[in-house]
Amino acid sequence: MNSGIHTVMYPTKDLGEAKKLYQTLLGVEPYVDQPYYVGFRLADQEIGLDPNGFAKGMSGPVTYYHVDDLKGLLTRLVEGGAEQRGEIQDVGGGKLIVSVADADGNIFGLLQEA
């Protein structure tokens, strides 16, 4: 099952400055504040700041569709013409993510909670 977009990840070159800006924009403190990731929760959405995003090939924000079967859906998407971008990653606690590009090069992510 796909429950839609609940996560948006922004690549950033200056995590400290980005954290201040998004804290002001969202009006909440980050619930995760680490050198490798800063995450904000707003209602049922997560806004994430990734200081390694550009190095991983992100050229702008990436939206993540929350899915129940990441590997199965990824297989079906690739069979249908999508391109997997990078390996499936466990980003902690069993949460899996992967990026995919459609035929036009638009990048989106899949996220499966543990």
PDB file of N, CA and C in Angstrom:
ATOM      1  N   MET A   1       0.836  -1.183   0.000  1.00  0.00           N
ATOM      2  CA  MET A   1       0.000   0.000   0.000  1.00  0.00           C
ATOM      3  C   MET A   1       0.879   1.244   0.000  1.00  0.00           C
ATOM      4  N   ASN A   2       0.422   2.268  -0.655  1.00  0.00           N
ATOM      5  CA  ASN A   2       1.125   3.535  -0.737  1.00  0.00           C
ATOM      6  C   ASN A   2       0.264   4.562  -0.005  1.00  0.00           C
ATOM      7  N   SER A   3       0.829   5.209   1.020  1.00  0.00           N
ATOM      8  CA  SER A   3       0.040   6.181   1.786  1.00  0.00           C
ATOM      9  C   SER A   3       0.338   7.620   1.388  1.00  0.00           C
ATOM     10  N   GLY A   4       1.048   7.805   0.280  1.00  0.00           N
ATOM     11  CA  GLY A   4       1.293   9.149  -0.230  1.00  0.00           C
ATOM     12  C   GLY A   4       2.602   9.744   0.255  1.00  0.00           C
ATOM     13  N   ILE A   5       2.773  11.009  -0.036  1.00  0.00           N
ATOM     14  CA  ILE A   5       3.995  11.727   0.314  1.00  0.00           C
ATOM     15  C   ILE A   5       3.874  12.247   1.742  1.00  0.00           C
ATOM     16  N   HIS A   6       4.806  11.815   2.586  1.00  0.00           N
ATOM     17  CA  HIS A   6       4.843  12.292   3.966  1.00  0.00           C
ATOM     18  C   HIS A   6       6.208  12.840   4.338  1.00  0.00           C
ATOM     19  N   THR A   7       7.183  12.711   3.438  1.00  0.00           N
ATOM     20  CA  THR A   7       8.543  13.153   3.735  1.00  0.00           C
ATOM     21  C   THR A   7       9.088  13.932   2.549  1.00  0.00           C
ATOM     22  N   VAL A   8       9.699  15.065   2.859  1.00  0.00           N
ATOM     23  CA  VAL A   8      10.403  15.855   1.845  1.00  0.00           C
ATOM     24  C   VAL A   8      11.807  16.085   2.378  1.00  0.00           C
ATOM     25  N   MET A   9      12.799  15.731   1.559  1.00  0.00           N
ATOM     26  CA  MET A   9      14.193  15.844   1.952  1.00  0.00           C
ATOM     27  C   MET A   9      14.869  16.925   1.117  1.00  0.00           C
ATOM     28  N   TYR A  10      15.543  17.844   1.807  1.00  0.00           N
ATOM     29  CA  TYR A  10      16.264  18.918   1.138  1.00  0.00           C
ATOM     30  C   TYR A  10      17.766  18.706   1.303  1.00  0.00           C
ATOM     31  N   PRO A  11      18.516  18.710   0.201  1.00  0.00           N
ATOM     32  CA  PRO A  11      19.970  18.694   0.336  1.00  0.00           C
ATOM     33  C   PRO A  11      20.424  20.077   0.798  1.00  0.00           C
ATOM     34  N   THR A  12      21.471  20.115   1.591  1.00  0.00           N
ATOM     35  CA  THR A  12      21.956  21.414   2.061  1.00  0.00           C
ATOM     36  C   THR A  12      23.473  21.415   2.163  1.00  0.00           C
ATOM     37  N   LYS A  13      24.054  22.550   1.865  1.00  0.00           N
ATOM     38  CA  LYS A  13      25.508  22.708   1.979  1.00  0.00           C
ATOM     39  C   LYS A  13      25.898  23.219   3.358  1.00  0.00           C
ATOM     40  N   ASP A  14      25.004  23.962   4.009  1.00  0.00           N
ATOM     41  CA  ASP A  14      25.268  24.520   5.337  1.00  0.00           C
ATOM     42  C   ASP A  14      24.121  24.114   6.253  1.00  0.00           C
ATOM     43  N   LEU A  15      24.331  23.030   6.975  1.00  0.00           N
ATOM     44  CA  LEU A  15      23.272  22.460   7.802  1.00  0.00           C
ATOM     45  C   LEU A  15      22.802  23.436   8.877  1.00  0.00           C
ATOM     46  N   GLY A  16      23.722  24.170   9.478  1.00  0.00           N
ATOM     47  CA  GLY A  16      23.355  25.118  10.529  1.00  0.00           C
ATOM     48  C   GLY A  16      22.445  26.221  10.021  1.00  0.00           C
ATOM     49  N   GLU A  17      22.781  26.793   8.884  1.00  0.00           N
ATOM     50  CA  GLU A  17      21.950  27.858   8.307  1.00  0.00           C
ATOM     51  C   GLU A  17      20.606  27.320   7.849  1.00  0.00           C
ATOM     52  N   ALA A  18      20.621  26.147   7.219  1.00  0.00           N
ATOM     53  CA  ALA A  18      19.363  25.551   6.766  1.00  0.00           C
ATOM     54  C   ALA A  18      18.462  25.233   7.954  1.00  0.00           C
ATOM     55  N   LYS A  19      19.050  24.727   9.037  1.00  0.00           N
ATOM     56  CA  LYS A  19      18.262  24.407  10.231  1.00  0.00           C
ATOM     57  C   LYS A  19      17.564  25.654  10.758  1.00  0.00           C
ATOM     58  N   LYS A  20      18.284  26.767  10.845  1.00  0.00           N
ATOM     59  CA  LYS A  20      17.675  28.014  11.323  1.00  0.00           C
ATOM     60  C   LYS A  20      16.528  28.451  10.418  1.00  0.00           C
ATOM     61  N   LEU A  21      16.749  28.397   9.098  1.00  0.00           N
ATOM     62  CA  LEU A  21      15.735  28.837   8.151  1.00  0.00           C
ATOM     63  C   LEU A  21      14.471  27.980   8.258  1.00  0.00           C
ATOM     64  N   TYR A  22      14.617  26.652   8.272  1.00  0.00           N
ATOM     65  CA  TYR A  22      13.440  25.777   8.317  1.00  0.00           C
ATOM     66  C   TYR A  22      12.777  25.806   9.692  1.00  0.00           C
ATOM     67  N   GLN A  23      13.538  26.035  10.730  1.00  0.00           N
ATOM     68  CA  GLN A  23      12.952  26.191  12.060  1.00  0.00           C
ATOM     69  C   GLN A  23      12.056  27.424  12.088  1.00  0.00           C
ATOM     70  N   THR A  24      12.513  28.497  11.457  1.00  0.00           N
ATOM     71  CA  THR A  24      11.710  29.719  11.360  1.00  0.00           C
ATOM     72  C   THR A  24      10.481  29.478  10.498  1.00  0.00           C
ATOM     73  N   LEU A  25      10.666  28.850   9.348  1.00  0.00           N
ATOM     74  CA  LEU A  25       9.562  28.585   8.434  1.00  0.00           C
ATOM     75  C   LEU A  25       8.486  27.708   9.068  1.00  0.00           C
ATOM     76  N   LEU A  26       8.912  26.615   9.704  1.00  0.00           N
ATOM     77  CA  LEU A  26       7.975  25.628  10.222  1.00  0.00           C
ATOM     78  C   LEU A  26       7.459  25.954  11.620  1.00  0.00           C
ATOM     79  N   GLY A  27       8.205  26.767  12.361  1.00  0.00           N
ATOM     80  CA  GLY A  27       7.779  27.162  13.702  1.00  0.00           C
ATOM     81  C   GLY A  27       7.901  26.069  14.746  1.00  0.00           C
ATOM     82  N   VAL A  28       8.757  25.074  14.485  1.00  0.00           N
ATOM     83  CA  VAL A  28       8.985  23.994  15.443  1.00  0.00           C
ATOM     84  C   VAL A  28      10.483  23.707  15.553  1.00  0.00           C
ATOM     85  N   GLU A  29      10.851  23.119  16.689  1.00  0.00           N
ATOM     86  CA  GLU A  29      12.226  22.667  16.888  1.00  0.00           C
ATOM     87  C   GLU A  29      12.425  21.340  16.154  1.00  0.00           C
ATOM     88  N   PRO A  30      13.639  21.034  15.707  1.00  0.00           N
ATOM     89  CA  PRO A  30      13.875  19.721  15.095  1.00  0.00           C
ATOM     90  C   PRO A  30      13.726  18.613  16.134  1.00  0.00           C
ATOM     91  N   TYR A  31      13.188  17.483  15.716  1.00  0.00           N
ATOM     92  CA  TYR A  31      13.108  16.336  16.620  1.00  0.00           C
ATOM     93  C   TYR A  31      14.366  15.477  16.504  1.00  0.00           C
ATOM     94  N   VAL A  32      15.106  15.631  15.399  1.00  0.00           N
ATOM     95  CA  VAL A  32      16.428  15.029  15.223  1.00  0.00           C
ATOM     96  C   VAL A  32      17.358  16.159  14.837  1.00  0.00           C
ATOM     97  N   ASP A  33      18.477  16.274  15.541  1.00  0.00           N
ATOM     98  CA  ASP A  33      19.442  17.329  15.261  1.00  0.00           C
ATOM     99  C   ASP A  33      20.841  16.742  15.371  1.00  0.00           C
ATOM    100  N   GLN A  34      21.277  16.131  14.278  1.00  0.00           N
ATOM    101  CA  GLN A  34      22.567  15.455  14.229  1.00  0.00           C
ATOM    102  C   GLN A  34      23.391  16.012  13.070  1.00  0.00           C
ATOM    103  N   PRO A  35      24.707  15.830  13.085  1.00  0.00           N
ATOM    104  CA  PRO A  35      25.540  16.331  11.991  1.00  0.00           C
ATOM    105  C   PRO A  35      25.204  15.709  10.633  1.00  0.00           C
ATOM    106  N   TYR A  36      24.588  14.532  10.629  1.00  0.00           N
ATOM    107  CA  TYR A  36      24.262  13.830   9.387  1.00  0.00           C
ATOM    108  C   TYR A  36      22.814  14.042   8.943  1.00  0.00           C
ATOM    109  N   TYR A  37      21.968  14.656   9.803  1.00  0.00           N
ATOM    110  CA  TYR A  37      20.559  14.825   9.451  1.00  0.00           C
ATOM    111  C   TYR A  37      19.870  15.704  10.483  1.00  0.00           C
ATOM    112  N   VAL A  38      19.029  16.608   9.999  1.00  0.00           N
ATOM    113  CA  VAL A  38      18.141  17.378  10.863  1.00  0.00           C
ATOM    114  C   VAL A  38      16.728  17.133  10.354  1.00  0.00           C
ATOM    115  N   GLY A  39      15.845  16.722  11.270  1.00  0.00           N
ATOM    116  CA  GLY A  39      14.481  16.401  10.877  1.00  0.00           C
ATOM    117  C   GLY A  39      13.459  17.166  11.694  1.00  0.00           C
ATOM    118  N   PHE A  40      12.457  17.663  11.008  1.00  0.00           N
ATOM    119  CA  PHE A  40      11.338  18.370  11.625  1.00  0.00           C
ATOM    120  C   PHE A  40      10.069  17.565  11.379  1.00  0.00           C
ATOM    121  N   ARG A  41       9.178  17.556  12.352  1.00  0.00           N
ATOM    122  CA  ARG A  41       7.863  16.942  12.159  1.00  0.00           C
ATOM    123  C   ARG A  41       6.814  18.032  12.272  1.00  0.00           C
ATOM    124  N   LEU A  42       5.931  18.028  11.307  1.00  0.00           N
ATOM    125  CA  LEU A  42       4.842  18.987  11.257  1.00  0.00           C
ATOM    126  C   LEU A  42       3.599  18.217  10.845  1.00  0.00           C
ATOM    127  N   ALA A  43       2.684  18.021  11.789  1.00  0.00           N
ATOM    128  CA  ALA A  43       1.507  17.176  11.579  1.00  0.00           C
ATOM    129  C   ALA A  43       2.009  15.786  11.172  1.00  0.00           C
ATOM    130  N   ASP A  44       1.574  15.265  10.021  1.00  0.00           N
ATOM    131  CA  ASP A  44       2.014  13.927   9.604  1.00  0.00           C
ATOM    132  C   ASP A  44       3.123  13.983   8.562  1.00  0.00           C
ATOM    133  N   GLN A  45       3.805  15.120   8.487  1.00  0.00           N
ATOM    134  CA  GLN A  45       4.885  15.262   7.512  1.00  0.00           C
ATOM    135  C   GLN A  45       6.237  15.411   8.196  1.00  0.00           C
ATOM    136  N   GLU A  46       7.254  14.909   7.502  1.00  0.00           N
ATOM    137  CA  GLU A  46       8.627  15.088   7.944  1.00  0.00           C
ATOM    138  C   GLU A  46       9.350  15.935   6.912  1.00  0.00           C
ATOM    139  N   ILE A  47      10.024  16.953   7.395  1.00  0.00           N
ATOM    140  CA  ILE A  47      10.874  17.789   6.557  1.00  0.00           C
ATOM    141  C   ILE A  47      12.299  17.509   7.011  1.00  0.00           C
ATOM    142  N   GLY A  48      13.126  16.991   6.102  1.00  0.00           N
ATOM    143  CA  GLY A  48      14.481  16.605   6.452  1.00  0.00           C
ATOM    144  C   GLY A  48      15.522  17.428   5.718  1.00  0.00           C
ATOM    145  N   LEU A  49      16.635  17.660   6.399  1.00  0.00           N
ATOM    146  CA  LEU A  49      17.780  18.368   5.826  1.00  0.00           C
ATOM    147  C   LEU A  49      18.954  17.399   5.783  1.00  0.00           C
ATOM    148  N   ASP A  50      19.501  17.171   4.584  1.00  0.00           N
ATOM    149  CA  ASP A  50      20.564  16.200   4.384  1.00  0.00           C
ATOM    150  C   ASP A  50      21.835  16.902   3.920  1.00  0.00           C
ATOM    151  N   PRO A  51      22.840  17.014   4.804  1.00  0.00           N
ATOM    152  CA  PRO A  51      24.084  17.686   4.410  1.00  0.00           C
ATOM    153  C   PRO A  51      24.904  16.895   3.405  1.00  0.00           C
ATOM    154  N   ASN A  52      24.541  15.645   3.164  1.00  0.00           N
ATOM    155  CA  ASN A  52      25.239  14.814   2.171  1.00  0.00           C
ATOM    156  C   ASN A  52      24.417  14.637   0.903  1.00  0.00           C
ATOM    157  N   GLY A  53      23.301  15.333   0.821  1.00  0.00           N
ATOM    158  CA  GLY A  53      22.382  15.160  -0.299  1.00  0.00           C
ATOM    159  C   GLY A  53      22.995  15.457  -1.658  1.00  0.00           C
ATOM    160  N   PHE A  54      23.709  16.562  -1.764  1.00  0.00           N
ATOM    161  CA  PHE A  54      24.302  16.906  -3.059  1.00  0.00           C
ATOM    162  C   PHE A  54      25.325  15.849  -3.477  1.00  0.00           C
ATOM    163  N   ALA A  55      26.103  15.344  -2.517  1.00  0.00           N
ATOM    164  CA  ALA A  55      27.097  14.315  -2.815  1.00  0.00           C
ATOM    165  C   ALA A  55      26.429  13.018  -3.275  1.00  0.00           C
ATOM    166  N   LYS A  56      25.172  12.794  -2.846  1.00  0.00           N
ATOM    167  CA  LYS A  56      24.431  11.599  -3.249  1.00  0.00           C
ATOM    168  C   LYS A  56      23.682  11.812  -4.556  1.00  0.00           C
ATOM    169  N   GLY A  57      23.835  12.984  -5.172  1.00  0.00           N
ATOM    170  CA  GLY A  57      23.194  13.233  -6.459  1.00  0.00           C
ATOM    171  C   GLY A  57      21.891  13.995  -6.405  1.00  0.00           C
ATOM    172  N   MET A  58      21.484  14.438  -5.217  1.00  0.00           N
ATOM    173  CA  MET A  58      20.259  15.237  -5.121  1.00  0.00           C
ATOM    174  C   MET A  58      20.544  16.617  -5.705  1.00  0.00           C
ATOM    175  N   SER A  59      19.674  17.085  -6.580  1.00  0.00           N
ATOM    176  CA  SER A  59      19.850  18.421  -7.156  1.00  0.00           C
ATOM    177  C   SER A  59      18.804  19.397  -6.616  1.00  0.00           C
ATOM    178  N   GLY A  60      17.922  18.896  -5.770  1.00  0.00           N
ATOM    179  CA  GLY A  60      16.870  19.697  -5.161  1.00  0.00           C
ATOM    180  C   GLY A  60      16.085  18.811  -4.224  1.00  0.00           C
ATOM    181  N   PRO A  61      14.951  19.288  -3.728  1.00  0.00           N
ATOM    182  CA  PRO A  61      14.166  18.487  -2.797  1.00  0.00           C
ATOM    183  C   PRO A  61      13.700  17.174  -3.429  1.00  0.00           C
ATOM    184  N   VAL A  62      13.627  16.138  -2.606  1.00  0.00           N
ATOM    185  CA  VAL A  62      13.120  14.844  -3.045  1.00  0.00           C
ATOM    186  C   VAL A  62      11.942  14.489  -2.144  1.00  0.00           C
ATOM    187  N   THR A  63      10.822  14.146  -2.769  1.00  0.00           N
ATOM    188  CA  THR A  63       9.648  13.712  -2.019  1.00  0.00           C
ATOM    189  C   THR A  63       9.704  12.199  -1.850  1.00  0.00           C
ATOM    190  N   TYR A  64       9.258  11.726  -0.704  1.00  0.00           N
ATOM    191  CA  TYR A  64       9.273  10.296  -0.412  1.00  0.00           C
ATOM    192  C   TYR A  64       7.851   9.793  -0.222  1.00  0.00           C
ATOM    193  N   TYR A  65       7.484   8.800  -1.033  1.00  0.00           N
ATOM    194  CA  TYR A  65       6.211   8.114  -0.891  1.00  0.00           C
ATOM    195  C   TYR A  65       6.382   7.035   0.166  1.00  0.00           C
ATOM    196  N   HIS A  66       5.507   7.008   1.141  1.00  0.00           N
ATOM    197  CA  HIS A  66       5.562   5.996   2.188  1.00  0.00           C
ATOM    198  C   HIS A  66       4.816   4.758   1.698  1.00  0.00           C
ATOM    199  N   VAL A  67       5.534   3.637   1.685  1.00  0.00           N
ATOM    200  CA  VAL A  67       4.993   2.395   1.125  1.00  0.00           C
ATOM    201  C   VAL A  67       5.192   1.240   2.106  1.00  0.00           C
ATOM    202  N   ASP A  68       4.393   0.199   1.939  1.00  0.00           N
ATOM    203  CA  ASP A  68       4.487  -0.979   2.803  1.00  0.00           C
ATOM    204  C   ASP A  68       5.507  -1.998   2.308  1.00  0.00           C
ATOM    205  N   ASP A  69       5.737  -2.052   0.994  1.00  0.00           N
ATOM    206  CA  ASP A  69       6.629  -3.055   0.403  1.00  0.00           C
ATOM    207  C   ASP A  69       7.584  -2.363  -0.566  1.00  0.00           C
ATOM    208  N   LEU A  70       8.616  -1.757  -0.019  1.00  0.00           N
ATOM    209  CA  LEU A  70       9.562  -0.992  -0.833  1.00  0.00           C
ATOM    210  C   LEU A  70      10.208  -1.861  -1.914  1.00  0.00           C
ATOM    211  N   LYS A  71      10.710  -3.015  -1.549  1.00  0.00           N
ATOM    212  CA  LYS A  71      11.421  -3.856  -2.518  1.00  0.00           C
ATOM    213  C   LYS A  71      10.497  -4.334  -3.631  1.00  0.00           C
ATOM    214  N   GLY A  72       9.298  -4.742  -3.282  1.00  0.00           N
ATOM    215  CA  GLY A  72       8.350  -5.202  -4.294  1.00  0.00           C
ATOM    216  C   GLY A  72       7.941  -4.091  -5.239  1.00  0.00           C
ATOM    217  N   LEU A  73       7.638  -2.923  -4.681  1.00  0.00           N
ATOM    218  CA  LEU A  73       7.240  -1.793  -5.525  1.00  0.00           C
ATOM    219  C   LEU A  73       8.408  -1.337  -6.389  1.00  0.00           C
ATOM    220  N   LEU A  74       9.605  -1.295  -5.820  1.00  0.00           N
ATOM    221  CA  LEU A  74      10.785  -0.899  -6.589  1.00  0.00           C
ATOM    222  C   LEU A  74      10.980  -1.835  -7.784  1.00  0.00           C
ATOM    223  N   THR A  75      10.839  -3.123  -7.572  1.00  0.00           N
ATOM    224  CA  THR A  75      10.968  -4.091  -8.666  1.00  0.00           C
ATOM    225  C   THR A  75       9.954  -3.793  -9.770  1.00  0.00           C
ATOM    226  N   ARG A  76       8.709  -3.557  -9.375  1.00  0.00           N
ATOM    227  CA  ARG A  76       7.662  -3.274 -10.372  1.00  0.00           C
ATOM    228  C   ARG A  76       7.931  -1.962 -11.108  1.00  0.00           C
ATOM    229  N   LEU A  77       8.422  -0.952 -10.391  1.00  0.00           N
ATOM    230  CA  LEU A  77       8.712   0.331 -11.040  1.00  0.00           C
ATOM    231  C   LEU A  77       9.849   0.192 -12.056  1.00  0.00           C
ATOM    232  N   VAL A  78      10.902  -0.518 -11.680  1.00  0.00           N
ATOM    233  CA  VAL A  78      12.039  -0.718 -12.593  1.00  0.00           C
ATOM    234  C   VAL A  78      11.593  -1.529 -13.806  1.00  0.00           C
ATOM    235  N   GLU A  79      10.787  -2.547 -13.585  1.00  0.00           N
ATOM    236  CA  GLU A  79      10.259  -3.331 -14.708  1.00  0.00           C
ATOM    237  C   GLU A  79       9.406  -2.463 -15.629  1.00  0.00           C
ATOM    238  N   GLY A  80       8.795  -1.418 -15.081  1.00  0.00           N
ATOM    239  CA  GLY A  80       7.954  -0.518 -15.859  1.00  0.00           C
ATOM    240  C   GLY A  80       8.708   0.647 -16.480  1.00  0.00           C
ATOM    241  N   GLY A  81      10.035   0.685 -16.322  1.00  0.00           N
ATOM    242  CA  GLY A  81      10.825   1.711 -16.987  1.00  0.00           C
ATOM    243  C   GLY A  81      11.483   2.731 -16.088  1.00  0.00           C
ATOM    244  N   ALA A  82      11.252   2.668 -14.789  1.00  0.00           N
ATOM    245  CA  ALA A  82      11.916   3.595 -13.869  1.00  0.00           C
ATOM    246  C   ALA A  82      13.376   3.176 -13.692  1.00  0.00           C
ATOM    247  N   GLU A  83      14.172   4.109 -13.200  1.00  0.00           N
ATOM    248  CA  GLU A  83      15.589   3.836 -12.953  1.00  0.00           C
ATOM    249  C   GLU A  83      15.866   3.972 -11.469  1.00  0.00           C
ATOM    250  N   GLN A  84      16.409   2.913 -10.864  1.00  0.00           N
ATOM    251  CA  GLN A  84      16.789   2.972  -9.458  1.00  0.00           C
ATOM    252  C   GLN A  84      18.025   3.842  -9.336  1.00  0.00           C
ATOM    253  N   ARG A  85      18.015   4.774  -8.383  1.00  0.00           N
ATOM    254  CA  ARG A  85      19.155   5.668  -8.150  1.00  0.00           C
ATOM    255  C   ARG A  85      19.784   5.318  -6.814  1.00  0.00           C
ATOM    256  N   GLY A  86      20.826   4.542  -6.845  1.00  0.00           N
ATOM    257  CA  GLY A  86      21.505   4.148  -5.614  1.00  0.00           C
ATOM    258  C   GLY A  86      20.877   2.908  -5.011  1.00  0.00           C
ATOM    259  N   GLU A  87      21.503   2.450  -3.951  1.00  0.00           N
ATOM    260  CA  GLU A  87      21.070   1.233  -3.269  1.00  0.00           C
ATOM    261  C   GLU A  87      20.013   1.557  -2.223  1.00  0.00           C
ATOM    262  N   ILE A  88      19.251   0.562  -1.854  1.00  0.00           N
ATOM    263  CA  ILE A  88      18.325   0.699  -0.732  1.00  0.00           C
ATOM    264  C   ILE A  88      19.168   0.901   0.524  1.00  0.00           C
ATOM    265  N   GLN A  89      18.790   1.889   1.324  1.00  0.00           N
ATOM    266  CA  GLN A  89      19.549   2.202   2.542  1.00  0.00           C
ATOM    267  C   GLN A  89      18.661   2.037   3.763  1.00  0.00           C
ATOM    268  N   ASP A  90      19.224   1.458   4.822  1.00  0.00           N
ATOM    269  CA  ASP A  90      18.585   1.454   6.130  1.00  0.00           C
ATOM    270  C   ASP A  90      19.109   2.698   6.832  1.00  0.00           C
ATOM    271  N   VAL A  91      18.226   3.660   7.082  1.00  0.00           N
ATOM    272  CA  VAL A  91      18.648   4.932   7.669  1.00  0.00           C
ATOM    273  C   VAL A  91      18.426   4.968   9.183  1.00  0.00           C
ATOM    274  N   GLY A  92      18.238   3.806   9.767  1.00  0.00           N
ATOM    275  CA  GLY A  92      18.112   3.698  11.212  1.00  0.00           C
ATOM    276  C   GLY A  92      16.808   3.057  11.623  1.00  0.00           C
ATOM    277  N   GLY A  93      16.909   2.145  12.554  1.00  0.00           N
ATOM    278  CA  GLY A  93      15.729   1.498  13.098  1.00  0.00           C
ATOM    279  C   GLY A  93      14.953   0.663  12.096  1.00  0.00           C
ATOM    280  N   GLY A  94      15.602   0.249  11.021  1.00  0.00           N
ATOM    281  CA  GLY A  94      14.922  -0.552  10.009  1.00  0.00           C
ATOM    282  C   GLY A  94      14.179   0.243   8.955  1.00  0.00           C
ATOM    283  N   LYS A  95      14.219   1.576   9.041  1.00  0.00           N
ATOM    284  CA  LYS A  95      13.566   2.417   8.026  1.00  0.00           C
ATOM    285  C   LYS A  95      14.390   2.360   6.742  1.00  0.00           C
ATOM    286  N   LEU A  96      13.740   1.986   5.633  1.00  0.00           N
ATOM    287  CA  LEU A  96      14.419   1.831   4.345  1.00  0.00           C
ATOM    288  C   LEU A  96      14.032   2.958   3.398  1.00  0.00           C
ATOM    289  N   ILE A  97      15.016   3.432   2.635  1.00  0.00           N
ATOM    290  CA  ILE A  97      14.756   4.436   1.603  1.00  0.00           C
ATOM    291  C   ILE A  97      15.521   4.085   0.338  1.00  0.00           C
ATOM    292  N   VAL A  98      15.004   4.571  -0.784  1.00  0.00           N
ATOM    293  CA  VAL A  98      15.689   4.453  -2.071  1.00  0.00           C
ATOM    294  C   VAL A  98      15.140   5.545  -2.984  1.00  0.00           C
ATOM    295  N   SER A  99      15.972   6.030  -3.883  1.00  0.00           N
ATOM    296  CA  SER A  99      15.537   7.025  -4.862  1.00  0.00           C
ATOM    297  C   SER A  99      15.330   6.366  -6.213  1.00  0.00           C
ATOM    298  N   VAL A 100      14.372   6.912  -6.961  1.00  0.00           N
ATOM    299  CA  VAL A 100      13.980   6.375  -8.259  1.00  0.00           C
ATOM    300  C   VAL A 100      13.797   7.552  -9.205  1.00  0.00           C
ATOM    301  N   ALA A 101      14.101   7.356 -10.488  1.00  0.00           N
ATOM    302  CA  ALA A 101      13.843   8.377 -11.503  1.00  0.00           C
ATOM    303  C   ALA A 101      12.843   7.833 -12.505  1.00  0.00           C
ATOM    304  N   ASP A 102      11.892   8.685 -12.893  1.00  0.00           N
ATOM    305  CA  ASP A 102      10.947   8.280 -13.931  1.00  0.00           C
ATOM    306  C   ASP A 102      11.590   8.491 -15.299  1.00  0.00           C
ATOM    307  N   ALA A 103      10.865   8.207 -16.359  1.00  0.00           N
ATOM    308  CA  ALA A 103      11.414   8.285 -17.718  1.00  0.00           C
ATOM    309  C   ALA A 103      11.857   9.696 -18.092  1.00  0.00           C
ATOM    310  N   ASP A 104      11.326  10.715 -17.413  1.00  0.00           N
ATOM    311  CA  ASP A 104      11.711  12.100 -17.695  1.00  0.00           C
ATOM    312  C   ASP A 104      12.822  12.601 -16.793  1.00  0.00           C
ATOM    313  N   GLY A 105      13.346  11.735 -15.937  1.00  0.00           N
ATOM    314  CA  GLY A 105      14.425  12.116 -15.039  1.00  0.00           C
ATOM    315  C   GLY A 105      13.959  12.738 -13.732  1.00  0.00           C
ATOM    316  N   ASN A 106      12.650  12.769 -13.487  1.00  0.00           N
ATOM    317  CA  ASN A 106      12.139  13.286 -12.217  1.00  0.00           C
ATOM    318  C   ASN A 106      12.452  12.283 -11.115  1.00  0.00           C
ATOM    319  N   ILE A 107      13.049  12.766 -10.040  1.00  0.00           N
ATOM    320  CA  ILE A 107      13.469  11.887  -8.960  1.00  0.00           C
ATOM    321  C   ILE A 107      12.456  11.953  -7.815  1.00  0.00           C
ATOM    322  N   PHE A 108      12.123  10.771  -7.295  1.00  0.00           N
ATOM    323  CA  PHE A 108      11.295  10.675  -6.093  1.00  0.00           C
ATOM    324  C   PHE A 108      11.839   9.519  -5.265  1.00  0.00           C
ATOM    325  N   GLY A 109      11.428   9.462  -4.028  1.00  0.00           N
ATOM    326  CA  GLY A 109      11.903   8.423  -3.153  1.00  0.00           C
ATOM    327  C   GLY A 109      10.789   7.523  -2.672  1.00  0.00           C
ATOM    328  N   LEU A 110      11.197   6.343  -2.245  1.00  0.00           N
ATOM    329  CA  LEU A 110      10.303   5.398  -1.581  1.00  0.00           C
ATOM    330  C   LEU A 110      10.834   5.230  -0.158  1.00  0.00           C
ATOM    331  N   LEU A 111       9.926   5.166   0.794  1.00  0.00           N
ATOM    332  CA  LEU A 111      10.296   5.024   2.194  1.00  0.00           C
ATOM    333  C   LEU A 111       9.399   3.968   2.830  1.00  0.00           C
ATOM    334  N   GLN A 112      10.025   3.009   3.501  1.00  0.00           N
ATOM    335  CA  GLN A 112       9.286   1.982   4.216  1.00  0.00           C
ATOM    336  C   GLN A 112       9.680   2.038   5.680  1.00  0.00           C
ATOM    337  N   GLU A 113       8.692   2.252   6.544  1.00  0.00           N
ATOM    338  CA  GLU A 113       8.935   2.253   7.988  1.00  0.00           C
ATOM    339  C   GLU A 113       9.236   0.839   8.444  1.00  0.00           C
ATOM    340  N   ALA A 114       9.938   0.729   9.540  1.00  0.00           N
ATOM    341  CA  ALA A 114      10.285  -0.595  10.101  1.00  0.00           C
ATOM    342  C   ALA A 114       9.049  -1.306  10.608  1.00  0.00           C
TER     343      ALA A 114
END
